[in-house]
Amino acid sequence: VKRWATLLSSCVDLTTGDYLIAAGTPCDHEYERVPWNLYDGPHGEVTP
């Protein structure tokens, strides 16, 4: 018997870089903003 479940759902706002996570399916749980940002990477600012 194969079983599966959604453990979490995540979204990233590509404009602001905010990560949003729902603990389970987004139908049953609200998204919450987590304290990291897509654009706060280990390399710092990108220079051309």
C-alpha atoms as a PDB file:
ATOM      1  CA  VAL A   1       0.000   0.000   0.000  1.00  0.00           C
ATOM      2  CA  LYS A   2       1.420   3.364  -1.011  1.00  0.00           C
ATOM      3  CA  ARG A   3       0.540   6.409   1.051  1.00  0.00           C
ATOM      4  CA  TRP A   4       1.513  10.028   0.802  1.00  0.00           C
ATOM      5  CA  ALA A   5       0.721  13.250   2.590  1.00  0.00           C
ATOM      6  CA  THR A   6       1.532  16.914   2.192  1.00  0.00           C
ATOM      7  CA  LEU A   7       3.936  17.859   4.984  1.00  0.00           C
ATOM      8  CA  LEU A   8       4.163  21.512   4.062  1.00  0.00           C
ATOM      9  CA  SER A   9       3.478  23.948   1.286  1.00  0.00           C
ATOM     10  CA  SER A  10       5.815  26.804   0.462  1.00  0.00           C
ATOM     11  CA  CYS A  11       5.637  29.886  -1.741  1.00  0.00           C
ATOM     12  CA  VAL A  12       8.118  32.631  -2.501  1.00  0.00           C
ATOM     13  CA  ASP A  13       7.115  36.172  -3.413  1.00  0.00           C
ATOM     14  CA  LEU A  14       9.592  36.907  -6.209  1.00  0.00           C
ATOM     15  CA  THR A  15       9.026  40.653  -5.885  1.00  0.00           C
ATOM     16  CA  THR A  16       9.915  40.939  -2.189  1.00  0.00           C
ATOM     17  CA  GLY A  17      11.766  37.621  -1.696  1.00  0.00           C
ATOM     18  CA  ASP A  18       9.570  36.650   1.266  1.00  0.00           C
ATOM     19  CA  TYR A  19       9.121  32.936   2.018  1.00  0.00           C
ATOM     20  CA  LEU A  20       5.665  31.761   3.088  1.00  0.00           C
ATOM     21  CA  ILE A  21       5.088  28.290   4.554  1.00  0.00           C
ATOM     22  CA  ALA A  22       1.906  26.418   5.485  1.00  0.00           C
ATOM     23  CA  ALA A  23       2.304  23.464   7.864  1.00  0.00           C
ATOM     24  CA  GLY A  24       0.300  21.019   5.759  1.00  0.00           C
ATOM     25  CA  THR A  25      -2.020  21.719   2.883  1.00  0.00           C
ATOM     26  CA  PRO A  26      -2.831  25.369   2.145  1.00  0.00           C
ATOM     27  CA  CYS A  27      -6.526  24.442   2.214  1.00  0.00           C
ATOM     28  CA  ASP A  28      -6.257  23.530   5.905  1.00  0.00           C
ATOM     29  CA  HIS A  29      -3.504  25.864   7.170  1.00  0.00           C
ATOM     30  CA  GLU A  30      -2.709  29.541   6.701  1.00  0.00           C
ATOM     31  CA  TYR A  31       0.590  30.614   5.163  1.00  0.00           C
ATOM     32  CA  GLU A  32       3.033  32.193   7.607  1.00  0.00           C
ATOM     33  CA  ARG A  33       6.018  34.333   6.686  1.00  0.00           C
ATOM     34  CA  VAL A  34       9.328  32.826   7.811  1.00  0.00           C
ATOM     35  CA  PRO A  35      12.332  34.937   8.888  1.00  0.00           C
ATOM     36  CA  TRP A  36      14.479  34.536   5.792  1.00  0.00           C
ATOM     37  CA  ASN A  37      14.425  36.146   2.377  1.00  0.00           C
ATOM     38  CA  LEU A  38      15.258  34.876  -1.101  1.00  0.00           C
ATOM     39  CA  TYR A  39      17.538  37.831  -1.724  1.00  0.00           C
ATOM     40  CA  ASP A  40      19.495  37.532   1.553  1.00  0.00           C
ATOM     41  CA  GLY A  41      21.879  34.970   0.112  1.00  0.00           C
ATOM     42  CA  PRO A  42      25.377  34.001   1.247  1.00  0.00           C
ATOM     43  CA  HIS A  43      27.014  35.995  -1.563  1.00  0.00           C
ATOM     44  CA  GLY A  44      25.729  39.439  -0.583  1.00  0.00           C
ATOM     45  CA  GLU A  45      24.921  41.980  -3.257  1.00  0.00           C
ATOM     46  CA  VAL A  46      25.403  41.129  -6.913  1.00  0.00           C
ATOM     47  CA  THR A  47      27.570  43.602  -8.805  1.00  0.00           C
ATOM     48  CA  PRO A  48      27.513  43.813 -12.613  1.00  0.00           C
END
